[in-house]
Amino acid sequence: MEEDLNAAMRMLHTQGHAVRPYIRYGVLWFEIDGILATRQELQELADGVYSVTELRELVGRRRTEERGNP
């Protein structure tokens, strides 16, 4: 799993994205161009499941849900 994450981070770096690990409330997140993403989201982004724009939208929906707004 760690090798996959490192490979995903390297790939995103080569594409020009800023990626760094970030710990928030004791949970490992990855900051990708200013977006906090989960391990799974990082891997899926690297795998081409969605684009950075789609990740931004996903994170926006997650924030809305965390706040309890519809």
C-alpha atoms as a PDB file:
ATOM      1  CA  MET A   1       0.000   0.000   0.000  1.00  0.00           C
ATOM      2  CA  GLU A   2       2.762   2.453   0.916  1.00  0.00           C
ATOM      3  CA  GLU A   3       4.554   1.751  -2.368  1.00  0.00           C
ATOM      4  CA  ASP A   4       1.335   2.510  -4.262  1.00  0.00           C
ATOM      5  CA  LEU A   5       0.949   5.824  -2.417  1.00  0.00           C
ATOM      6  CA  ASN A   6       4.552   6.807  -3.102  1.00  0.00           C
ATOM      7  CA  ALA A   7       4.141   5.921  -6.777  1.00  0.00           C
ATOM      8  CA  ALA A   8       0.925   7.968  -6.944  1.00  0.00           C
ATOM      9  CA  MET A   9       2.639  10.959  -5.321  1.00  0.00           C
ATOM     10  CA  ARG A  10       5.602  10.714  -7.731  1.00  0.00           C
ATOM     11  CA  MET A  11       3.297  10.489 -10.731  1.00  0.00           C
ATOM     12  CA  LEU A  12       1.300  13.537  -9.652  1.00  0.00           C
ATOM     13  CA  HIS A  13       4.547  15.452  -9.009  1.00  0.00           C
ATOM     14  CA  THR A  14       5.737  14.675 -12.543  1.00  0.00           C
ATOM     15  CA  GLN A  15       2.409  16.027 -13.850  1.00  0.00           C
ATOM     16  CA  GLY A  16       3.143  19.309 -12.072  1.00  0.00           C
ATOM     17  CA  HIS A  17       0.915  18.885  -9.020  1.00  0.00           C
ATOM     18  CA  ALA A  18       2.040  19.858  -5.523  1.00  0.00           C
ATOM     19  CA  VAL A  19       1.508  16.855  -3.232  1.00  0.00           C
ATOM     20  CA  ARG A  20       2.413  16.433   0.420  1.00  0.00           C
ATOM     21  CA  PRO A  21       1.255  14.255   3.305  1.00  0.00           C
ATOM     22  CA  TYR A  22      -0.775  16.098   5.928  1.00  0.00           C
ATOM     23  CA  ILE A  23      -2.031  14.914   9.310  1.00  0.00           C
ATOM     24  CA  ARG A  24      -5.394  16.324  10.385  1.00  0.00           C
ATOM     25  CA  TYR A  25      -6.998  15.195  13.636  1.00  0.00           C
ATOM     26  CA  GLY A  26      -4.640  12.217  13.722  1.00  0.00           C
ATOM     27  CA  VAL A  27      -5.635  11.025  10.225  1.00  0.00           C
ATOM     28  CA  LEU A  28      -3.239  10.942   7.264  1.00  0.00           C
ATOM     29  CA  TRP A  29      -4.456  13.056   4.353  1.00  0.00           C
ATOM     30  CA  PHE A  30      -2.696  14.239   1.233  1.00  0.00           C
ATOM     31  CA  GLU A  31      -2.705  17.847   0.169  1.00  0.00           C
ATOM     32  CA  ILE A  32      -2.887  17.977  -3.622  1.00  0.00           C
ATOM     33  CA  ASP A  33      -2.772  21.492  -5.044  1.00  0.00           C
ATOM     34  CA  GLY A  34      -4.354  22.780  -1.827  1.00  0.00           C
ATOM     35  CA  ILE A  35      -7.033  20.057  -1.660  1.00  0.00           C
ATOM     36  CA  LEU A  36      -7.094  17.608   1.255  1.00  0.00           C
ATOM     37  CA  ALA A  37      -7.640  14.119  -0.132  1.00  0.00           C
ATOM     38  CA  THR A  38      -7.855  10.687   1.453  1.00  0.00           C
ATOM     39  CA  ARG A  39      -5.447   7.872   0.586  1.00  0.00           C
ATOM     40  CA  GLN A  40      -8.088   6.350  -1.665  1.00  0.00           C
ATOM     41  CA  GLU A  41      -8.742   9.651  -3.427  1.00  0.00           C
ATOM     42  CA  LEU A  42      -5.009  10.131  -4.002  1.00  0.00           C
ATOM     43  CA  GLN A  43      -4.731   6.674  -5.514  1.00  0.00           C
ATOM     44  CA  GLU A  44      -7.848   7.111  -7.656  1.00  0.00           C
ATOM     45  CA  LEU A  45      -6.627  10.491  -8.894  1.00  0.00           C
ATOM     46  CA  ALA A  46      -3.305   8.938  -9.875  1.00  0.00           C
ATOM     47  CA  ASP A  47      -5.129   6.033 -11.541  1.00  0.00           C
ATOM     48  CA  GLY A  48      -7.181   8.462 -13.628  1.00  0.00           C
ATOM     49  CA  VAL A  49     -10.510   7.611 -12.006  1.00  0.00           C
ATOM     50  CA  TYR A  50     -11.162  11.338 -11.894  1.00  0.00           C
ATOM     51  CA  SER A  51      -9.394  14.618 -12.636  1.00  0.00           C
ATOM     52  CA  VAL A  52      -8.176  17.293 -10.223  1.00  0.00           C
ATOM     53  CA  THR A  53     -11.281  19.329 -11.116  1.00  0.00           C
ATOM     54  CA  GLU A  54     -13.536  16.389 -10.250  1.00  0.00           C
ATOM     55  CA  LEU A  55     -11.599  15.888  -6.999  1.00  0.00           C
ATOM     56  CA  ARG A  56     -12.245  19.538  -6.088  1.00  0.00           C
ATOM     57  CA  GLU A  57     -15.982  18.950  -6.608  1.00  0.00           C
ATOM     58  CA  LEU A  58     -15.877  15.749  -4.548  1.00  0.00           C
ATOM     59  CA  VAL A  59     -14.093  17.513  -1.693  1.00  0.00           C
ATOM     60  CA  GLY A  60     -16.604  20.370  -1.849  1.00  0.00           C
ATOM     61  CA  ARG A  61     -19.490  17.906  -1.490  1.00  0.00           C
ATOM     62  CA  ARG A  62     -17.700  16.178   1.401  1.00  0.00           C
ATOM     63  CA  ARG A  63     -17.255  19.512   3.210  1.00  0.00           C
ATOM     64  CA  THR A  64     -20.933  20.300   2.752  1.00  0.00           C
ATOM     65  CA  GLU A  65     -21.920  16.907   4.163  1.00  0.00           C
ATOM     66  CA  GLU A  66     -19.538  17.317   7.129  1.00  0.00           C
ATOM     67  CA  ARG A  67     -21.212  20.613   7.974  1.00  0.00           C
ATOM     68  CA  GLY A  68     -24.597  18.922   7.869  1.00  0.00           C
ATOM     69  CA  ASN A  69     -25.904  20.978   4.981  1.00  0.00           C
ATOM     70  CA  PRO A  70     -27.868  19.371   2.139  1.00  0.00           C
END
